[in-house]
Amino acid sequence: MIQKHLNPGLQVSTILLTMYDARTNLAQEVAGEVRSHFPSEVLNAVVPRSVRISEAPSYGQTVHAYDGASIGALAYLEAAAEMAERGANGKVQADAANNERA
């Protein structure tokens, strides 16, 4: 909808599933649907529902400053590493494609 009406050039490059609770059928179904519709965009890393993530902003801190060893903070680090790896691989692929054209 945003792409159609406001920004035709908008492209979804990455999707991070957050507030994920693997104990619920709904979360598993939603994750499955998102992965089936956007197979290459969804990160493997998933950020679980976490009290620590919810508490951090009320103390004016990021989850990494508030409790960097929490499961939520570690999940965000995992997502960041995956995004960096995807970016590096994308850059390598783009550089190779550019070299082939030259």
N, C-alpha and C. Protein backbone atom coordinates (compact mmCIF):
# COMPACT_ATOMS: atom_id res chain seq x y z
N MET A 1 0.82 -1.19 0.00
CA MET A 1 0.00 0.00 0.00
C MET A 1 0.87 1.26 0.00
N ILE A 2 1.89 1.29 0.85
CA ILE A 2 2.79 2.44 0.90
C ILE A 2 3.49 2.59 -0.44
N GLN A 3 3.96 1.47 -0.97
CA GLN A 3 4.67 1.50 -2.25
C GLN A 3 3.76 2.03 -3.34
N LYS A 4 2.53 1.57 -3.37
CA LYS A 4 1.61 1.95 -4.43
C LYS A 4 1.24 3.44 -4.37
N HIS A 5 0.98 3.96 -3.17
CA HIS A 5 0.45 5.31 -3.04
C HIS A 5 1.50 6.39 -2.72
N LEU A 6 2.54 6.03 -1.99
CA LEU A 6 3.47 7.06 -1.53
C LEU A 6 4.89 6.95 -2.07
N ASN A 7 5.34 5.72 -2.29
CA ASN A 7 6.74 5.54 -2.68
C ASN A 7 6.89 4.35 -3.63
N PRO A 8 6.69 4.59 -4.92
CA PRO A 8 6.77 3.48 -5.88
C PRO A 8 8.12 2.78 -5.91
N GLY A 9 9.17 3.45 -5.49
CA GLY A 9 10.50 2.85 -5.51
C GLY A 9 10.83 2.07 -4.25
N LEU A 10 9.91 2.03 -3.29
CA LEU A 10 10.15 1.32 -2.04
C LEU A 10 10.33 -0.17 -2.28
N GLN A 11 11.35 -0.73 -1.66
CA GLN A 11 11.62 -2.16 -1.79
C GLN A 11 11.94 -2.72 -0.41
N VAL A 12 11.26 -3.78 -0.02
CA VAL A 12 11.52 -4.45 1.26
C VAL A 12 12.75 -5.33 1.07
N SER A 13 13.77 -5.06 1.87
CA SER A 13 15.00 -5.83 1.73
C SER A 13 15.17 -6.85 2.85
N THR A 14 14.65 -6.53 4.04
CA THR A 14 14.88 -7.38 5.19
C THR A 14 13.68 -7.33 6.13
N ILE A 15 13.31 -8.48 6.65
CA ILE A 15 12.23 -8.56 7.64
C ILE A 15 12.77 -9.30 8.85
N LEU A 16 12.59 -8.68 10.03
CA LEU A 16 12.99 -9.29 11.29
C LEU A 16 11.74 -9.58 12.10
N LEU A 17 11.54 -10.84 12.45
CA LEU A 17 10.40 -11.21 13.28
C LEU A 17 10.73 -10.89 14.73
N THR A 18 9.88 -10.11 15.38
CA THR A 18 10.10 -9.71 16.77
C THR A 18 8.89 -10.09 17.62
N MET A 19 9.08 -10.02 18.93
CA MET A 19 8.04 -10.38 19.90
C MET A 19 7.51 -11.79 19.63
N TYR A 20 8.40 -12.66 19.20
CA TYR A 20 8.04 -14.02 18.81
C TYR A 20 7.98 -14.91 20.05
N ASP A 21 6.89 -15.64 20.18
CA ASP A 21 6.72 -16.58 21.27
C ASP A 21 6.43 -17.96 20.67
N ALA A 22 7.45 -18.78 20.61
CA ALA A 22 7.35 -20.09 19.95
C ALA A 22 6.34 -21.01 20.62
N ARG A 23 5.91 -20.66 21.84
CA ARG A 23 4.95 -21.51 22.55
C ARG A 23 3.54 -21.38 22.00
N THR A 24 3.29 -20.32 21.21
CA THR A 24 1.92 -20.12 20.72
C THR A 24 1.79 -20.55 19.27
N ASN A 25 0.66 -21.14 18.97
CA ASN A 25 0.39 -21.54 17.59
C ASN A 25 0.30 -20.33 16.68
N LEU A 26 -0.29 -19.24 17.19
CA LEU A 26 -0.44 -18.04 16.38
C LEU A 26 0.90 -17.51 15.91
N ALA A 27 1.87 -17.43 16.81
CA ALA A 27 3.20 -16.92 16.44
C ALA A 27 3.83 -17.81 15.37
N GLN A 28 3.69 -19.12 15.53
CA GLN A 28 4.26 -20.04 14.55
C GLN A 28 3.57 -19.91 13.20
N GLU A 29 2.25 -19.73 13.21
CA GLU A 29 1.51 -19.57 11.96
C GLU A 29 1.88 -18.26 11.26
N VAL A 30 1.95 -17.18 12.03
CA VAL A 30 2.31 -15.89 11.44
C VAL A 30 3.71 -15.95 10.86
N ALA A 31 4.66 -16.50 11.60
CA ALA A 31 6.03 -16.62 11.10
C ALA A 31 6.07 -17.45 9.82
N GLY A 32 5.31 -18.53 9.79
CA GLY A 32 5.27 -19.36 8.59
C GLY A 32 4.69 -18.63 7.39
N GLU A 33 3.63 -17.86 7.63
CA GLU A 33 3.03 -17.08 6.54
C GLU A 33 4.00 -16.02 6.02
N VAL A 34 4.65 -15.31 6.94
CA VAL A 34 5.59 -14.27 6.52
C VAL A 34 6.73 -14.90 5.73
N ARG A 35 7.26 -16.01 6.23
CA ARG A 35 8.36 -16.69 5.52
C ARG A 35 7.93 -17.21 4.15
N SER A 36 6.68 -17.65 4.02
CA SER A 36 6.23 -18.16 2.72
C SER A 36 6.02 -17.04 1.72
N HIS A 37 5.62 -15.86 2.18
CA HIS A 37 5.40 -14.73 1.27
C HIS A 37 6.69 -13.97 0.96
N PHE A 38 7.64 -13.99 1.89
CA PHE A 38 8.90 -13.25 1.72
C PHE A 38 10.08 -14.17 2.05
N PRO A 39 10.28 -15.23 1.29
CA PRO A 39 11.29 -16.23 1.65
C PRO A 39 12.72 -15.71 1.72
N SER A 40 13.09 -14.79 0.86
CA SER A 40 14.48 -14.32 0.88
C SER A 40 14.67 -13.08 1.74
N GLU A 41 13.59 -12.45 2.17
CA GLU A 41 13.70 -11.24 2.96
C GLU A 41 13.74 -11.49 4.47
N VAL A 42 13.13 -12.59 4.94
CA VAL A 42 13.03 -12.84 6.37
C VAL A 42 14.35 -13.38 6.91
N LEU A 43 14.83 -12.74 7.96
CA LEU A 43 16.06 -13.20 8.60
C LEU A 43 15.82 -14.52 9.32
N ASN A 44 16.85 -15.33 9.46
CA ASN A 44 16.77 -16.54 10.27
C ASN A 44 16.69 -16.20 11.75
N ALA A 45 17.36 -15.13 12.14
CA ALA A 45 17.31 -14.67 13.53
C ALA A 45 15.90 -14.20 13.86
N VAL A 46 15.46 -14.52 15.07
CA VAL A 46 14.14 -14.13 15.54
C VAL A 46 14.31 -13.54 16.94
N VAL A 47 13.65 -12.40 17.19
CA VAL A 47 13.73 -11.77 18.51
C VAL A 47 12.52 -12.21 19.32
N PRO A 48 12.76 -12.90 20.43
CA PRO A 48 11.64 -13.40 21.22
C PRO A 48 11.01 -12.29 22.05
N ARG A 49 9.78 -12.55 22.50
CA ARG A 49 9.14 -11.64 23.46
C ARG A 49 10.00 -11.68 24.71
N SER A 50 10.31 -10.50 25.25
CA SER A 50 11.24 -10.44 26.38
C SER A 50 10.89 -9.27 27.29
N VAL A 51 10.84 -9.55 28.57
CA VAL A 51 10.59 -8.50 29.56
C VAL A 51 11.72 -7.49 29.56
N ARG A 52 12.95 -7.95 29.39
CA ARG A 52 14.11 -7.05 29.41
C ARG A 52 14.05 -6.04 28.27
N ILE A 53 13.60 -6.48 27.10
CA ILE A 53 13.46 -5.55 25.98
C ILE A 53 12.40 -4.51 26.31
N SER A 54 11.33 -4.92 26.95
CA SER A 54 10.25 -4.00 27.32
C SER A 54 10.66 -3.04 28.41
N GLU A 55 11.49 -3.47 29.33
CA GLU A 55 11.90 -2.63 30.46
C GLU A 55 12.93 -1.57 30.08
N ALA A 56 13.80 -1.88 29.16
CA ALA A 56 14.93 -1.00 28.83
C ALA A 56 14.52 0.44 28.52
N PRO A 57 13.53 0.70 27.67
CA PRO A 57 13.19 2.09 27.36
C PRO A 57 12.71 2.90 28.57
N SER A 58 12.08 2.24 29.53
CA SER A 58 11.61 2.99 30.70
C SER A 58 12.77 3.48 31.56
N TYR A 59 13.95 2.92 31.36
CA TYR A 59 15.17 3.39 32.02
C TYR A 59 16.02 4.25 31.09
N GLY A 60 15.47 4.55 29.93
CA GLY A 60 16.19 5.39 28.97
C GLY A 60 17.40 4.70 28.37
N GLN A 61 17.33 3.39 28.25
CA GLN A 61 18.48 2.63 27.76
C GLN A 61 18.07 1.70 26.63
N THR A 62 19.06 1.32 25.85
CA THR A 62 18.83 0.25 24.87
C THR A 62 18.86 -1.07 25.64
N VAL A 63 18.38 -2.11 25.04
CA VAL A 63 18.43 -3.42 25.69
C VAL A 63 19.87 -3.86 25.89
N HIS A 64 20.77 -3.41 25.03
CA HIS A 64 22.18 -3.79 25.18
C HIS A 64 22.82 -3.12 26.38
N ALA A 65 22.44 -1.87 26.65
CA ALA A 65 22.97 -1.18 27.83
C ALA A 65 22.29 -1.70 29.10
N TYR A 66 21.02 -1.98 29.01
CA TYR A 66 20.24 -2.41 30.18
C TYR A 66 20.61 -3.83 30.62
N ASP A 67 20.67 -4.75 29.69
CA ASP A 67 21.03 -6.14 29.99
C ASP A 67 21.55 -6.81 28.72
N GLY A 68 22.79 -6.53 28.43
CA GLY A 68 23.40 -7.01 27.19
C GLY A 68 23.49 -8.52 27.07
N ALA A 69 23.35 -9.23 28.18
CA ALA A 69 23.42 -10.69 28.15
C ALA A 69 22.04 -11.33 28.06
N SER A 70 21.00 -10.52 28.00
CA SER A 70 19.64 -11.07 27.93
C SER A 70 19.40 -11.74 26.59
N ILE A 71 18.42 -12.62 26.56
CA ILE A 71 18.11 -13.36 25.33
C ILE A 71 17.70 -12.40 24.22
N GLY A 72 16.99 -11.33 24.57
CA GLY A 72 16.56 -10.35 23.57
C GLY A 72 17.74 -9.59 22.97
N ALA A 73 18.64 -9.14 23.84
CA ALA A 73 19.82 -8.41 23.36
C ALA A 73 20.66 -9.30 22.45
N LEU A 74 20.84 -10.54 22.84
CA LEU A 74 21.63 -11.47 22.03
C LEU A 74 20.94 -11.75 20.69
N ALA A 75 19.62 -11.81 20.71
CA ALA A 75 18.88 -12.04 19.46
C ALA A 75 19.06 -10.87 18.50
N TYR A 76 19.04 -9.64 19.04
CA TYR A 76 19.27 -8.47 18.17
C TYR A 76 20.70 -8.47 17.62
N LEU A 77 21.67 -8.89 18.41
CA LEU A 77 23.04 -8.99 17.91
C LEU A 77 23.14 -10.03 16.80
N GLU A 78 22.44 -11.15 16.97
CA GLU A 78 22.42 -12.18 15.95
C GLU A 78 21.80 -11.64 14.65
N ALA A 79 20.72 -10.88 14.79
CA ALA A 79 20.07 -10.29 13.62
C ALA A 79 21.00 -9.29 12.93
N ALA A 80 21.70 -8.48 13.73
CA ALA A 80 22.63 -7.50 13.15
C ALA A 80 23.75 -8.20 12.39
N ALA A 81 24.26 -9.28 12.96
CA ALA A 81 25.33 -10.03 12.28
C ALA A 81 24.83 -10.63 10.98
N GLU A 82 23.60 -11.14 11.01
CA GLU A 82 23.04 -11.72 9.79
C GLU A 82 22.82 -10.66 8.72
N MET A 83 22.37 -9.47 9.14
CA MET A 83 22.17 -8.39 8.18
C MET A 83 23.51 -7.93 7.61
N ALA A 84 24.54 -7.85 8.45
CA ALA A 84 25.86 -7.45 7.97
C ALA A 84 26.40 -8.48 6.98
N GLU A 85 26.18 -9.75 7.27
CA GLU A 85 26.64 -10.81 6.36
C GLU A 85 25.90 -10.72 5.03
N ARG A 86 24.60 -10.50 5.10
CA ARG A 86 23.82 -10.36 3.86
C ARG A 86 24.31 -9.16 3.06
N GLY A 87 24.59 -8.07 3.75
CA GLY A 87 25.09 -6.87 3.07
C GLY A 87 26.43 -7.11 2.43
N ALA A 88 27.32 -7.79 3.16
CA ALA A 88 28.64 -8.08 2.62
C ALA A 88 28.52 -9.00 1.41
N ASN A 89 27.67 -10.01 1.51
CA ASN A 89 27.47 -10.92 0.37
C ASN A 89 26.85 -10.18 -0.80
N GLY A 90 25.91 -9.31 -0.53
CA GLY A 90 25.28 -8.52 -1.59
C GLY A 90 26.28 -7.61 -2.27
N LYS A 91 27.19 -7.01 -1.48
CA LYS A 91 28.22 -6.15 -2.05
C LYS A 91 29.17 -6.96 -2.92
N VAL A 92 29.55 -8.14 -2.44
CA VAL A 92 30.43 -9.00 -3.23
C VAL A 92 29.75 -9.39 -4.54
N GLN A 93 28.47 -9.75 -4.47
CA GLN A 93 27.74 -10.13 -5.67
C GLN A 93 27.60 -8.93 -6.61
N ALA A 94 27.32 -7.74 -6.07
CA ALA A 94 27.19 -6.54 -6.91
C ALA A 94 28.52 -6.20 -7.55
N ASP A 95 29.62 -6.31 -6.77
CA ASP A 95 30.95 -6.03 -7.32
C ASP A 95 31.28 -7.00 -8.45
N ALA A 96 30.95 -8.27 -8.26
CA ALA A 96 31.21 -9.27 -9.30
C ALA A 96 30.42 -8.98 -10.55
N ALA A 97 29.16 -8.60 -10.37
CA ALA A 97 28.31 -8.27 -11.54
C ALA A 97 28.87 -7.04 -12.26
N ASN A 98 29.33 -6.06 -11.51
CA ASN A 98 29.90 -4.86 -12.12
C ASN A 98 31.19 -5.18 -12.87
N ASN A 99 32.00 -6.09 -12.30
CA ASN A 99 33.26 -6.48 -12.97
C ASN A 99 33.00 -7.24 -14.24
N GLU A 100 31.93 -8.04 -14.27
CA GLU A 100 31.59 -8.78 -15.49
C GLU A 100 31.18 -7.84 -16.61
N ARG A 101 30.53 -6.74 -16.25
CA ARG A 101 30.07 -5.78 -17.26
C ARG A 101 31.22 -4.95 -17.81
N ALA A 102 32.28 -4.79 -17.02
CA ALA A 102 33.40 -3.92 -17.42
C ALA A 102 34.26 -4.54 -18.47
